[in-house]
C-alpha atoms as a PDB file:
ATOM      1  CA  UNK A   1      59.817-124.319 -61.018  1.00  0.00           C
ATOM      2  CA  UNK A   2      57.059-126.804 -61.798  1.00  0.00           C
ATOM      3  CA  UNK A   3      55.845-125.868 -65.253  1.00  0.00           C
ATOM      4  CA  UNK A   4      55.579-129.487 -66.330  1.00  0.00           C
ATOM      5  CA  UNK A   5      53.261-130.285 -63.469  1.00  0.00           C
ATOM      6  CA  UNK A   6      49.492-130.036 -63.721  1.00  0.00           C
ATOM      7  CA  UNK A   7      46.661-132.687 -63.335  1.00  0.00           C
ATOM      8  CA  UNK A   8      43.766-134.932 -64.783  1.00  0.00           C
ATOM      9  CA  UNK A   9      40.469-136.931 -64.603  1.00  0.00           C
ATOM     10  CA  UNK A  10      39.570-139.838 -66.889  1.00  0.00           C
ATOM     11  CA  UNK A  11      38.175-143.232 -65.931  1.00  0.00           C
ATOM     12  CA  UNK A  12      38.744-146.516 -67.672  1.00  0.00           C
ATOM     13  CA  UNK A  13      36.902-149.603 -66.515  1.00  0.00           C
ATOM     14  CA  UNK A  14      38.372-153.101 -66.684  1.00  0.00           C
ATOM     15  CA  UNK A  15      36.395-156.272 -66.267  1.00  0.00           C
ATOM     16  CA  UNK A  16      37.979-159.511 -65.131  1.00  0.00           C
ATOM     17  CA  UNK A  17      36.927-163.131 -65.032  1.00  0.00           C
ATOM     18  CA  UNK A  18      36.635-164.026 -61.359  1.00  0.00           C
ATOM     19  CA  UNK A  19      37.434-167.709 -61.686  1.00  0.00           C
ATOM     20  CA  UNK A  20      40.728-169.436 -61.006  1.00  0.00           C
ATOM     21  CA  UNK A  21      42.464-171.418 -63.752  1.00  0.00           C
ATOM     22  CA  UNK A  22      41.975-175.189 -63.643  1.00  0.00           C
ATOM     23  CA  UNK A  23      45.110-176.090 -61.745  1.00  0.00           C
ATOM     24  CA  UNK A  24      46.542-177.875 -58.752  1.00  0.00           C
ATOM     25  CA  UNK A  25      46.431-174.627 -56.775  1.00  0.00           C
ATOM     26  CA  UNK A  26      42.715-174.160 -57.427  1.00  0.00           C
ATOM     27  CA  UNK A  27      42.153-177.810 -56.510  1.00  0.00           C
ATOM     28  CA  UNK A  28      44.077-177.422 -53.272  1.00  0.00           C
ATOM     29  CA  UNK A  29      41.828-174.522 -52.260  1.00  0.00           C
ATOM     30  CA  UNK A  30      38.620-176.379 -53.073  1.00  0.00           C
ATOM     31  CA  UNK A  31      39.712-179.611 -51.359  1.00  0.00           C
ATOM     32  CA  UNK A  32      41.068-178.036 -48.166  1.00  0.00           C
ATOM     33  CA  UNK A  33      38.958-178.433 -44.988  1.00  0.00           C
ATOM     34  CA  UNK A  34      36.614-175.591 -44.077  1.00  0.00           C
ATOM     35  CA  UNK A  35      35.960-174.284 -40.557  1.00  0.00           C
ATOM     36  CA  UNK A  36      33.297-175.981 -38.476  1.00  0.00           C
ATOM     37  CA  UNK A  37      30.184-173.949 -37.509  1.00  0.00           C
ATOM     38  CA  UNK A  38      31.610-173.150 -34.035  1.00  0.00           C
ATOM     39  CA  UNK A  39      34.872-172.049 -35.655  1.00  0.00           C
ATOM     40  CA  UNK A  40      32.952-169.845 -38.092  1.00  0.00           C
ATOM     41  CA  UNK A  41      31.138-168.170 -35.216  1.00  0.00           C
ATOM     42  CA  UNK A  42      34.482-167.544 -33.515  1.00  0.00           C
ATOM     43  CA  UNK A  43      35.963-166.080 -36.694  1.00  0.00           C
ATOM     44  CA  UNK A  44      32.960-163.786 -37.150  1.00  0.00           C
ATOM     45  CA  UNK A  45      33.237-162.639 -33.519  1.00  0.00           C
ATOM     46  CA  UNK A  46      36.917-161.844 -34.084  1.00  0.00           C
ATOM     47  CA  UNK A  47      36.070-159.837 -37.195  1.00  0.00           C
ATOM     48  CA  UNK A  48      33.440-157.855 -35.288  1.00  0.00           C
ATOM     49  CA  UNK A  49      35.768-156.977 -32.424  1.00  0.00           C
ATOM     50  CA  UNK A  50      39.145-156.547 -34.127  1.00  0.00           C
ATOM     51  CA  UNK A  51      40.713-153.162 -34.642  1.00  0.00           C
ATOM     52  CA  UNK A  52      43.147-154.618 -37.192  1.00  0.00           C
ATOM     53  CA  UNK A  53      42.383-155.001 -40.885  1.00  0.00           C
ATOM     54  CA  UNK A  54      39.930-157.871 -41.453  1.00  0.00           C
ATOM     55  CA  UNK A  55      42.019-158.811 -44.493  1.00  0.00           C
ATOM     56  CA  UNK A  56      45.088-159.434 -42.315  1.00  0.00           C
ATOM     57  CA  UNK A  57      43.029-161.178 -39.610  1.00  0.00           C
ATOM     58  CA  UNK A  58      41.540-163.658 -42.097  1.00  0.00           C
ATOM     59  CA  UNK A  59      44.927-164.482 -43.603  1.00  0.00           C
ATOM     60  CA  UNK A  60      46.344-165.130 -40.135  1.00  0.00           C
ATOM     61  CA  UNK A  61      43.345-167.270 -39.146  1.00  0.00           C
ATOM     62  CA  UNK A  62      43.680-169.454 -42.254  1.00  0.00           C
ATOM     63  CA  UNK A  63      47.423-169.840 -41.772  1.00  0.00           C
ATOM     64  CA  UNK A  64      47.151-170.816 -38.100  1.00  0.00           C
ATOM     65  CA  UNK A  65      43.909-172.797 -38.417  1.00  0.00           C
ATOM     66  CA  UNK A  66      45.020-174.978 -41.321  1.00  0.00           C
ATOM     67  CA  UNK A  67      41.764-174.543 -43.216  1.00  0.00           C
ATOM     68  CA  UNK A  68      40.310-172.504 -46.078  1.00  0.00           C
ATOM     69  CA  UNK A  69      37.410-170.084 -45.581  1.00  0.00           C
ATOM     70  CA  UNK A  70      34.841-170.577 -48.335  1.00  0.00           C
ATOM     71  CA  UNK A  71      33.603-167.947 -50.738  1.00  0.00           C
ATOM     72  CA  UNK A  72      29.933-168.275 -49.547  1.00  0.00           C
ATOM     73  CA  UNK A  73      31.010-167.566 -45.958  1.00  0.00           C
ATOM     74  CA  UNK A  74      32.978-164.517 -47.059  1.00  0.00           C
ATOM     75  CA  UNK A  75      30.038-163.253 -49.128  1.00  0.00           C
ATOM     76  CA  UNK A  76      27.719-163.722 -46.149  1.00  0.00           C
ATOM     77  CA  UNK A  77      30.044-161.779 -43.816  1.00  0.00           C
ATOM     78  CA  UNK A  78      30.462-158.991 -46.385  1.00  0.00           C
ATOM     79  CA  UNK A  79      26.661-158.635 -46.634  1.00  0.00           C
ATOM     80  CA  UNK A  80      26.339-158.761 -42.835  1.00  0.00           C
ATOM     81  CA  UNK A  81      28.797-155.924 -42.221  1.00  0.00           C
ATOM     82  CA  UNK A  82      27.258-153.859 -45.021  1.00  0.00           C
ATOM     83  CA  UNK A  83      23.856-154.290 -43.338  1.00  0.00           C
ATOM     84  CA  UNK A  84      25.372-153.210 -40.009  1.00  0.00           C
ATOM     85  CA  UNK A  85      26.772-150.096 -41.678  1.00  0.00           C
ATOM     86  CA  UNK A  86      30.389-151.207 -41.119  1.00  0.00           C
ATOM     87  CA  UNK A  87      31.430-150.556 -44.696  1.00  0.00           C
ATOM     88  CA  UNK A  88      35.164-150.524 -43.983  1.00  0.00           C
ATOM     89  CA  UNK A  89      35.079-154.060 -42.566  1.00  0.00           C
ATOM     90  CA  UNK A  90      33.041-155.305 -45.545  1.00  0.00           C
ATOM     91  CA  UNK A  91      35.616-153.756 -47.898  1.00  0.00           C
ATOM     92  CA  UNK A  92      38.486-155.440 -46.027  1.00  0.00           C
ATOM     93  CA  UNK A  93      36.767-158.859 -46.167  1.00  0.00           C
ATOM     94  CA  UNK A  94      36.056-158.340 -49.868  1.00  0.00           C
ATOM     95  CA  UNK A  95      39.736-157.490 -50.350  1.00  0.00           C
ATOM     96  CA  UNK A  96      40.668-160.820 -48.747  1.00  0.00           C
ATOM     97  CA  UNK A  97      38.202-162.626 -50.998  1.00  0.00           C
ATOM     98  CA  UNK A  98      39.714-160.994 -54.088  1.00  0.00           C
ATOM     99  CA  UNK A  99      43.215-161.918 -52.972  1.00  0.00           C
ATOM    100  CA  UNK A 100      42.143-165.511 -52.333  1.00  0.00           C
ATOM    101  CA  UNK A 101      39.852-166.283 -55.271  1.00  0.00           C
ATOM    102  CA  UNK A 102      40.786-163.698 -57.910  1.00  0.00           C
ATOM    103  CA  UNK A 103      44.215-162.348 -57.091  1.00  0.00           C
ATOM    104  CA  UNK A 104      45.818-165.782 -57.139  1.00  0.00           C
ATOM    105  CA  UNK A 105      45.466-165.620 -60.924  1.00  0.00           C
ATOM    106  CA  UNK A 106      48.537-163.393 -60.825  1.00  0.00           C
ATOM    107  CA  UNK A 107      50.499-166.375 -59.517  1.00  0.00           C
ATOM    108  CA  UNK A 108      50.249-167.848 -63.021  1.00  0.00           C
ATOM    109  CA  UNK A 109      51.723-164.890 -64.819  1.00  0.00           C
ATOM    110  CA  UNK A 110      55.010-166.697 -65.653  1.00  0.00           C
ATOM    111  CA  UNK A 111      52.983-169.470 -67.306  1.00  0.00           C
ATOM    112  CA  UNK A 112      50.697-167.422 -69.548  1.00  0.00           C
ATOM    113  CA  UNK A 113      53.061-168.045 -72.454  1.00  0.00           C
ATOM    114  CA  UNK A 114      51.972-171.698 -72.745  1.00  0.00           C
ATOM    115  CA  UNK A 115      50.939-172.618 -76.297  1.00  0.00           C
ATOM    116  CA  UNK A 116      48.436-175.270 -75.182  1.00  0.00           C
ATOM    117  CA  UNK A 117      45.822-174.432 -72.573  1.00  0.00           C
ATOM    118  CA  UNK A 118      45.896-177.984 -71.249  1.00  0.00           C
ATOM    119  CA  UNK A 119      49.630-177.980 -70.531  1.00  0.00           C
ATOM    120  CA  UNK A 120      50.365-178.511 -66.821  1.00  0.00           C
ATOM    121  CA  UNK A 121      51.707-175.642 -64.755  1.00  0.00           C
ATOM    122  CA  UNK A 122      55.345-175.989 -63.650  1.00  0.00           C
ATOM    123  CA  UNK A 123      55.359-176.518 -59.888  1.00  0.00           C
ATOM    124  CA  UNK A 124      58.582-174.536 -59.593  1.00  0.00           C
ATOM    125  CA  UNK A 125      56.829-171.376 -60.763  1.00  0.00           C
ATOM    126  CA  UNK A 126      54.234-171.759 -58.001  1.00  0.00           C
ATOM    127  CA  UNK A 127      56.859-172.272 -55.334  1.00  0.00           C
ATOM    128  CA  UNK A 128      59.003-169.353 -56.450  1.00  0.00           C
ATOM    129  CA  UNK A 129      56.030-167.017 -56.774  1.00  0.00           C
ATOM    130  CA  UNK A 130      54.700-167.967 -53.333  1.00  0.00           C
ATOM    131  CA  UNK A 131      58.083-167.499 -51.680  1.00  0.00           C
ATOM    132  CA  UNK A 132      58.702-164.124 -53.303  1.00  0.00           C
ATOM    133  CA  UNK A 133      55.261-162.610 -52.735  1.00  0.00           C
ATOM    134  CA  UNK A 134      55.563-159.110 -51.255  1.00  0.00           C
ATOM    135  CA  UNK A 135      53.076-156.587 -49.929  1.00  0.00           C
ATOM    136  CA  UNK A 136      53.475-154.751 -53.228  1.00  0.00           C
ATOM    137  CA  UNK A 137      52.249-157.841 -55.100  1.00  0.00           C
ATOM    138  CA  UNK A 138      49.346-158.358 -52.702  1.00  0.00           C
ATOM    139  CA  UNK A 139      48.350-154.713 -53.105  1.00  0.00           C
ATOM    140  CA  UNK A 140      48.021-155.134 -56.868  1.00  0.00           C
ATOM    141  CA  UNK A 141      45.883-158.248 -57.227  1.00  0.00           C
ATOM    142  CA  UNK A 142      43.196-156.972 -59.557  1.00  0.00           C
ATOM    143  CA  UNK A 143      39.526-157.924 -59.245  1.00  0.00           C
ATOM    144  CA  UNK A 144      36.296-156.365 -60.404  1.00  0.00           C
ATOM    145  CA  UNK A 145      35.939-154.350 -57.171  1.00  0.00           C
ATOM    146  CA  UNK A 146      39.605-153.437 -56.649  1.00  0.00           C
ATOM    147  CA  UNK A 147      39.345-149.858 -57.898  1.00  0.00           C
ATOM    148  CA  UNK A 148      36.017-149.301 -56.162  1.00  0.00           C
ATOM    149  CA  UNK A 149      37.443-150.493 -52.857  1.00  0.00           C
ATOM    150  CA  UNK A 150      40.617-148.410 -53.173  1.00  0.00           C
ATOM    151  CA  UNK A 151      38.527-145.356 -53.985  1.00  0.00           C
ATOM    152  CA  UNK A 152      36.241-145.924 -50.992  1.00  0.00           C
ATOM    153  CA  UNK A 153      39.252-146.172 -48.674  1.00  0.00           C
ATOM    154  CA  UNK A 154      41.044-143.012 -49.813  1.00  0.00           C
ATOM    155  CA  UNK A 155      38.002-140.786 -50.434  1.00  0.00           C
ATOM    156  CA  UNK A 156      37.430-139.741 -46.759  1.00  0.00           C
ATOM    157  CA  UNK A 157      41.103-138.700 -46.497  1.00  0.00           C
ATOM    158  CA  UNK A 158      41.144-136.604 -49.663  1.00  0.00           C
ATOM    159  CA  UNK A 159      40.448-132.871 -49.568  1.00  0.00           C
ATOM    160  CA  UNK A 160      40.058-130.160 -52.184  1.00  0.00           C
ATOM    161  CA  UNK A 161      41.975-126.880 -51.910  1.00  0.00           C
ATOM    162  CA  UNK A 162      40.860-123.528 -53.333  1.00  0.00           C
ATOM    163  CA  UNK A 163      42.972-120.393 -52.981  1.00  0.00           C
ATOM    164  CA  UNK A 164      41.177-117.121 -52.291  1.00  0.00           C
ATOM    165  CA  UNK A 165      43.360-115.114 -54.652  1.00  0.00           C
ATOM    166  CA  UNK A 166      43.280-116.193 -58.273  1.00  0.00           C
ATOM    167  CA  UNK A 167      40.746-118.983 -57.764  1.00  0.00           C
ATOM    168  CA  UNK A 168      43.399-121.691 -58.191  1.00  0.00           C
ATOM    169  CA  UNK A 169      42.627-125.293 -57.338  1.00  0.00           C
ATOM    170  CA  UNK A 170      44.620-128.011 -55.654  1.00  0.00           C
ATOM    171  CA  UNK A 171      44.337-131.186 -53.618  1.00  0.00           C
ATOM    172  CA  UNK A 172      45.586-132.592 -50.340  1.00  0.00           C
ATOM    173  CA  UNK A 173      45.672-135.664 -48.108  1.00  0.00           C
ATOM    174  CA  UNK A 174      44.611-135.781 -44.450  1.00  0.00           C
ATOM    175  CA  UNK A 175      47.141-137.681 -42.326  1.00  0.00           C
ATOM    176  CA  UNK A 176      45.992-136.785 -38.811  1.00  0.00           C
ATOM    177  CA  UNK A 177      42.617-136.815 -37.078  1.00  0.00           C
ATOM    178  CA  UNK A 178      43.534-133.359 -35.728  1.00  0.00           C
ATOM    179  CA  UNK A 179      43.338-131.798 -39.190  1.00  0.00           C
ATOM    180  CA  UNK A 180      46.873-131.989 -40.598  1.00  0.00           C
ATOM    181  CA  UNK A 181      47.040-132.110 -44.381  1.00  0.00           C
ATOM    182  CA  UNK A 182      49.974-132.791 -46.705  1.00  0.00           C
ATOM    183  CA  UNK A 183      49.971-131.144 -50.142  1.00  0.00           C
ATOM    184  CA  UNK A 184      52.378-129.744 -52.720  1.00  0.00           C
ATOM    185  CA  UNK A 185      54.013-126.414 -51.910  1.00  0.00           C
ATOM    186  CA  UNK A 186      53.280-124.837 -55.298  1.00  0.00           C
ATOM    187  CA  UNK A 187      49.582-125.281 -54.501  1.00  0.00           C
ATOM    188  CA  UNK A 188      49.681-122.974 -51.463  1.00  0.00           C
ATOM    189  CA  UNK A 189      52.839-120.879 -51.965  1.00  0.00           C
ATOM    190  CA  UNK A 190      53.439-118.231 -54.617  1.00  0.00           C
ATOM    191  CA  UNK A 191      56.246-119.989 -56.488  1.00  0.00           C
ATOM    192  CA  UNK A 192      56.572-117.210 -59.077  1.00  0.00           C
ATOM    193  CA  UNK A 193      58.011-114.906 -56.415  1.00  0.00           C
ATOM    194  CA  UNK A 194      60.542-117.598 -55.540  1.00  0.00           C
ATOM    195  CA  UNK A 195      61.789-117.712 -59.140  1.00  0.00           C
ATOM    196  CA  UNK A 196      62.652-114.018 -58.963  1.00  0.00           C
ATOM    197  CA  UNK A 197      64.678-114.452 -55.781  1.00  0.00           C
ATOM    198  CA  UNK A 198      66.187-117.549 -54.192  1.00  0.00           C
ATOM    199  CA  UNK A 199      65.514-116.025 -50.769  1.00  0.00           C
ATOM    200  CA  UNK A 200      62.723-118.044 -49.165  1.00  0.00           C
ATOM    201  CA  UNK A 201      60.194-115.336 -48.403  1.00  0.00           C
ATOM    202  CA  UNK A 202      57.564-116.504 -50.889  1.00  0.00           C
ATOM    203  CA  UNK A 203      53.984-115.382 -50.320  1.00  0.00           C
ATOM    204  CA  UNK A 204      51.693-117.929 -48.655  1.00  0.00           C
ATOM    205  CA  UNK A 205      48.229-118.218 -50.152  1.00  0.00           C
ATOM    206  CA  UNK A 206      45.013-118.299 -48.139  1.00  0.00           C
ATOM    207  CA  UNK A 207      43.316-121.646 -48.663  1.00  0.00           C
ATOM    208  CA  UNK A 208      39.771-122.987 -48.411  1.00  0.00           C
ATOM    209  CA  UNK A 209      39.612-126.717 -47.620  1.00  0.00           C
ATOM    210  CA  UNK A 210      36.624-128.888 -48.602  1.00  0.00           C
ATOM    211  CA  UNK A 211      36.337-132.552 -47.554  1.00  0.00           C
ATOM    212  CA  UNK A 212      34.688-135.326 -49.547  1.00  0.00           C
ATOM    213  CA  UNK A 213      31.640-134.925 -47.262  1.00  0.00           C
ATOM    214  CA  UNK A 214      31.281-131.269 -48.222  1.00  0.00           C
ATOM    215  CA  UNK A 215      32.667-129.849 -44.956  1.00  0.00           C
ATOM    216  CA  UNK A 216      34.452-126.536 -45.511  1.00  0.00           C
ATOM    217  CA  UNK A 217      37.316-125.075 -43.449  1.00  0.00           C
ATOM    218  CA  UNK A 218      39.790-122.235 -43.680  1.00  0.00           C
ATOM    219  CA  UNK A 219      43.266-123.715 -43.939  1.00  0.00           C
ATOM    220  CA  UNK A 220      46.473-122.240 -42.558  1.00  0.00           C
ATOM    221  CA  UNK A 221      49.844-123.109 -44.108  1.00  0.00           C
ATOM    222  CA  UNK A 222      51.816-124.227 -41.052  1.00  0.00           C
ATOM    223  CA  UNK A 223      55.089-124.958 -42.849  1.00  0.00           C
ATOM    224  CA  UNK A 224      56.481-125.695 -46.296  1.00  0.00           C
ATOM    225  CA  UNK A 225      59.597-127.049 -47.981  1.00  0.00           C
ATOM    226  CA  UNK A 226      60.123-125.510 -51.413  1.00  0.00           C
ATOM    227  CA  UNK A 227      63.106-127.729 -52.190  1.00  0.00           C
ATOM    228  CA  UNK A 228      60.864-130.804 -52.069  1.00  0.00           C
ATOM    229  CA  UNK A 229      57.666-128.985 -53.152  1.00  0.00           C
ATOM    230  CA  UNK A 230      55.764-130.054 -50.030  1.00  0.00           C
ATOM    231  CA  UNK A 231      53.614-128.117 -47.582  1.00  0.00           C
ATOM    232  CA  UNK A 232      51.786-128.720 -44.311  1.00  0.00           C
ATOM    233  CA  UNK A 233      48.275-127.277 -43.982  1.00  0.00           C
ATOM    234  CA  UNK A 234      46.377-127.156 -40.690  1.00  0.00           C
ATOM    235  CA  UNK A 235      42.614-126.874 -40.224  1.00  0.00           C
ATOM    236  CA  UNK A 236      40.505-126.712 -37.068  1.00  0.00           C
ATOM    237  CA  UNK A 237      37.777-129.345 -37.220  1.00  0.00           C
ATOM    238  CA  UNK A 238      35.166-129.967 -34.497  1.00  0.00           C
ATOM    239  CA  UNK A 239      35.123-133.657 -35.463  1.00  0.00           C
ATOM    240  CA  UNK A 240      37.906-136.162 -36.030  1.00  0.00           C
ATOM    241  CA  UNK A 241      38.963-136.515 -39.649  1.00  0.00           C
ATOM    242  CA  UNK A 242      39.899-139.739 -41.445  1.00  0.00           C
ATOM    243  CA  UNK A 243      43.684-140.007 -41.852  1.00  0.00           C
ATOM    244  CA  UNK A 244      45.055-141.804 -44.887  1.00  0.00           C
ATOM    245  CA  UNK A 245      47.241-144.870 -44.607  1.00  0.00           C
ATOM    246  CA  UNK A 246      50.695-144.499 -46.142  1.00  0.00           C
ATOM    247  CA  UNK A 247      52.109-147.358 -48.190  1.00  0.00           C
ATOM    248  CA  UNK A 248      55.602-147.927 -49.580  1.00  0.00           C
ATOM    249  CA  UNK A 249      56.863-146.576 -52.883  1.00  0.00           C
ATOM    250  CA  UNK A 250      59.931-148.833 -52.682  1.00  0.00           C
ATOM    251  CA  UNK A 251      57.779-151.943 -53.249  1.00  0.00           C
ATOM    252  CA  UNK A 252      56.223-150.674 -56.484  1.00  0.00           C
ATOM    253  CA  UNK A 253      56.869-152.182 -59.898  1.00  0.00           C
ATOM    254  CA  UNK A 254      56.247-150.944 -63.414  1.00  0.00           C
ATOM    255  CA  UNK A 255      52.760-152.062 -64.426  1.00  0.00           C
ATOM    256  CA  UNK A 256      51.232-151.889 -60.943  1.00  0.00           C
ATOM    257  CA  UNK A 257      47.707-150.475 -60.976  1.00  0.00           C
ATOM    258  CA  UNK A 258      47.239-147.121 -59.249  1.00  0.00           C
ATOM    259  CA  UNK A 259      44.360-144.740 -58.576  1.00  0.00           C
ATOM    260  CA  UNK A 260      44.586-140.960 -58.410  1.00  0.00           C
ATOM    261  CA  UNK A 261      42.200-138.589 -56.647  1.00  0.00           C
ATOM    262  CA  UNK A 262      42.219-134.811 -56.842  1.00  0.00           C
ATOM    263  CA  UNK A 263      40.508-131.547 -57.726  1.00  0.00           C
ATOM    264  CA  UNK A 264      41.305-131.016 -61.434  1.00  0.00           C
ATOM    265  CA  UNK A 265      39.924-127.765 -62.840  1.00  0.00           C
ATOM    266  CA  UNK A 266      37.868-127.445 -59.668  1.00  0.00           C
ATOM    267  CA  UNK A 267      35.978-130.715 -60.250  1.00  0.00           C
ATOM    268  CA  UNK A 268      36.150-131.970 -56.672  1.00  0.00           C
ATOM    269  CA  UNK A 269      36.740-135.620 -55.780  1.00  0.00           C
ATOM    270  CA  UNK A 270      37.754-136.706 -59.285  1.00  0.00           C
ATOM    271  CA  UNK A 271      39.268-140.175 -59.645  1.00  0.00           C
ATOM    272  CA  UNK A 272      41.543-141.447 -62.401  1.00  0.00           C
ATOM    273  CA  UNK A 273      43.128-144.861 -62.857  1.00  0.00           C
ATOM    274  CA  UNK A 274      46.353-145.939 -64.478  1.00  0.00           C
ATOM    275  CA  UNK A 275      49.558-147.906 -64.004  1.00  0.00           C
ATOM    276  CA  UNK A 276      53.086-147.156 -62.862  1.00  0.00           C
ATOM    277  CA  UNK A 277      54.898-146.235 -66.084  1.00  0.00           C
ATOM    278  CA  UNK A 278      58.337-145.482 -64.628  1.00  0.00           C
ATOM    279  CA  UNK A 279      59.675-145.822 -61.086  1.00  0.00           C
ATOM    280  CA  UNK A 280      62.505-143.283 -61.198  1.00  0.00           C
ATOM    281  CA  UNK A 281      61.955-140.479 -63.678  1.00  0.00           C
ATOM    282  CA  UNK A 282      64.911-138.141 -63.174  1.00  0.00           C
ATOM    283  CA  UNK A 283      64.378-134.499 -62.234  1.00  0.00           C
ATOM    284  CA  UNK A 284      66.911-133.633 -64.938  1.00  0.00           C
ATOM    285  CA  UNK A 285      64.679-135.182 -67.610  1.00  0.00           C
ATOM    286  CA  UNK A 286      61.783-133.108 -66.264  1.00  0.00           C
ATOM    287  CA  UNK A 287      63.979-129.998 -66.072  1.00  0.00           C
ATOM    288  CA  UNK A 288      63.122-129.448 -62.419  1.00  0.00           C
ATOM    289  CA  UNK A 289      65.214-128.009 -59.613  1.00  0.00           C
ATOM    290  CA  UNK A 290      65.108-128.900 -55.928  1.00  0.00           C
ATOM    291  CA  UNK A 291      66.103-131.894 -53.830  1.00  0.00           C
ATOM    292  CA  UNK A 292      63.577-134.446 -55.101  1.00  0.00           C
ATOM    293  CA  UNK A 293      65.810-136.392 -57.485  1.00  0.00           C
ATOM    294  CA  UNK A 294      63.325-138.905 -58.909  1.00  0.00           C
ATOM    295  CA  UNK A 295      59.561-139.025 -59.500  1.00  0.00           C
ATOM    296  CA  UNK A 296      57.007-141.757 -60.089  1.00  0.00           C
ATOM    297  CA  UNK A 297      55.535-141.627 -63.582  1.00  0.00           C
ATOM    298  CA  UNK A 298      51.997-142.880 -64.265  1.00  0.00           C
ATOM    299  CA  UNK A 299      49.601-142.808 -67.188  1.00  0.00           C
ATOM    300  CA  UNK A 300      46.882-141.262 -65.024  1.00  0.00           C
ATOM    301  CA  UNK A 301      45.281-138.200 -66.625  1.00  0.00           C
ATOM    302  CA  UNK A 302      45.971-135.032 -64.627  1.00  0.00           C
ATOM    303  CA  UNK A 303      45.006-131.395 -65.049  1.00  0.00           C
ATOM    304  CA  UNK A 304      45.528-128.154 -63.162  1.00  0.00           C
ATOM    305  CA  UNK A 305      44.302-128.749 -59.616  1.00  0.00           C
ATOM    306  CA  UNK A 306      45.372-132.373 -59.190  1.00  0.00           C
ATOM    307  CA  UNK A 307      48.643-131.348 -57.540  1.00  0.00           C
ATOM    308  CA  UNK A 308      48.832-132.518 -53.937  1.00  0.00           C
ATOM    309  CA  UNK A 309      46.281-135.278 -54.482  1.00  0.00           C
ATOM    310  CA  UNK A 310      46.859-138.873 -53.463  1.00  0.00           C
ATOM    311  CA  UNK A 311      48.236-141.575 -55.706  1.00  0.00           C
ATOM    312  CA  UNK A 312      47.215-144.886 -54.135  1.00  0.00           C
ATOM    313  CA  UNK A 313      47.688-148.601 -54.689  1.00  0.00           C
ATOM    314  CA  UNK A 314      44.844-151.121 -54.776  1.00  0.00           C
ATOM    315  CA  UNK A 315      44.888-151.288 -50.976  1.00  0.00           C
ATOM    316  CA  UNK A 316      43.994-147.602 -50.839  1.00  0.00           C
ATOM    317  CA  UNK A 317      47.435-146.767 -49.413  1.00  0.00           C
ATOM    318  CA  UNK A 318      49.067-143.504 -50.458  1.00  0.00           C
ATOM    319  CA  UNK A 319      52.213-144.280 -52.450  1.00  0.00           C
ATOM    320  CA  UNK A 320      52.787-140.817 -53.882  1.00  0.00           C
ATOM    321  CA  UNK A 321      51.591-137.203 -54.114  1.00  0.00           C
ATOM    322  CA  UNK A 322      50.617-136.066 -57.610  1.00  0.00           C
ATOM    323  CA  UNK A 323      52.612-133.020 -58.588  1.00  0.00           C
ATOM    324  CA  UNK A 324      52.249-132.520 -62.351  1.00  0.00           C
ATOM    325  CA  UNK A 325      52.018-133.858 -65.867  1.00  0.00           C
ATOM    326  CA  UNK A 326      53.717-133.591 -69.216  1.00  0.00           C
ATOM    327  CA  UNK A 327      53.190-130.522 -71.351  1.00  0.00           C
ATOM    328  CA  UNK A 328      51.340-132.537 -74.013  1.00  0.00           C
ATOM    329  CA  UNK A 329      48.747-133.757 -71.456  1.00  0.00           C
ATOM    330  CA  UNK A 330      48.598-137.232 -72.983  1.00  0.00           C
ATOM    331  CA  UNK A 331      48.475-139.456 -69.928  1.00  0.00           C
ATOM    332  CA  UNK A 332      51.945-138.707 -68.583  1.00  0.00           C
ATOM    333  CA  UNK A 333      51.655-137.839 -64.898  1.00  0.00           C
ATOM    334  CA  UNK A 334      54.234-137.448 -62.158  1.00  0.00           C
ATOM    335  CA  UNK A 335      54.135-137.957 -58.397  1.00  0.00           C
ATOM    336  CA  UNK A 336      56.534-137.423 -55.505  1.00  0.00           C
ATOM    337  CA  UNK A 337      57.223-140.913 -54.064  1.00  0.00           C
ATOM    338  CA  UNK A 338      55.738-141.425 -50.607  1.00  0.00           C
ATOM    339  CA  UNK A 339      59.186-142.440 -49.330  1.00  0.00           C
ATOM    340  CA  UNK A 340      60.432-138.934 -50.118  1.00  0.00           C
ATOM    341  CA  UNK A 341      57.277-137.358 -48.663  1.00  0.00           C
ATOM    342  CA  UNK A 342      57.616-139.258 -45.368  1.00  0.00           C
ATOM    343  CA  UNK A 343      61.313-138.381 -45.144  1.00  0.00           C
ATOM    344  CA  UNK A 344      60.518-134.666 -45.334  1.00  0.00           C
ATOM    345  CA  UNK A 345      57.538-134.975 -42.965  1.00  0.00           C
ATOM    346  CA  UNK A 346      59.703-136.624 -40.311  1.00  0.00           C
ATOM    347  CA  UNK A 347      62.658-134.261 -40.752  1.00  0.00           C
ATOM    348  CA  UNK A 348      60.433-131.200 -40.400  1.00  0.00           C
ATOM    349  CA  UNK A 349      58.496-132.816 -37.530  1.00  0.00           C
ATOM    350  CA  UNK A 350      55.207-132.833 -39.404  1.00  0.00           C
ATOM    351  CA  UNK A 351      54.926-136.517 -38.636  1.00  0.00           C
ATOM    352  CA  UNK A 352      56.232-138.012 -35.405  1.00  0.00           C
ATOM    353  CA  UNK A 353      58.001-141.343 -35.653  1.00  0.00           C
ATOM    354  CA  UNK A 354      56.596-144.277 -33.684  1.00  0.00           C
END
């Protein structure tokens, strides 16, 4: 059923100049008023107490306050939260800083074709890019720490699966503090039996679950959907687990940076980076059956064992579940779009709607 699908693990680093182009937009940021000391103390207090993302809080504060928070203040708050051990908050503030001082470089993409560096930027391009900015665009502003931050966000929610029989490896994503895990069905169900008979009485495999912290649990397959190649695994944990945040696959664009995490060849917690290569690779092209009609294609490197692992954007949001790769294993990977995954999870009552 899924012969094309296996998984991978290579890392490519990208460095990026963290300065804005000399432009009216950069000037507007540098010349805008900054918060007064009392206002800064209020902002810091809000960041300490908020349960929302610090990234979103800072954007709202700037918009409503009519001022620009300086890079030194952001650096100071990042260091403060790191010292307090609140790593997640420091990552969220750093994400805001990248969006503000590095990510805005993406605003100039339509103008990179200028022949002379000194040519002025067309104001229309700034207006159109600002008005059309989406969460997908925000999630793909690329800075020197973007991949590191995305990896830090998704790592606690990623688990490694090992089957008792055959020693096969797979991956999964925690989506509930109570120990619910989403993975691919072919990781935990004997698909070969299904190919012999279309009657759904395939053998369920016993699974050992290992978290990124090294905690080990016996997993029980609570339900599965072979038509969509998805399965629900349940573990009993004495402590609350870290659920992943789901993003939107409908907002993706070809060229968006993505990060993959999985358990290729049994090498737990392996990360791989790449881009979205194709948004709607047809199941017919991949010679696959089932009800999942299109797949995300990336150039992430996958090997056996990456199936069920998270494909995330630069915000650390899950935008797909890795399910396989091309037979040539040359950086052609495939993932089930998170929109399809969520549809199945809601229909089968694995995930309750708000």
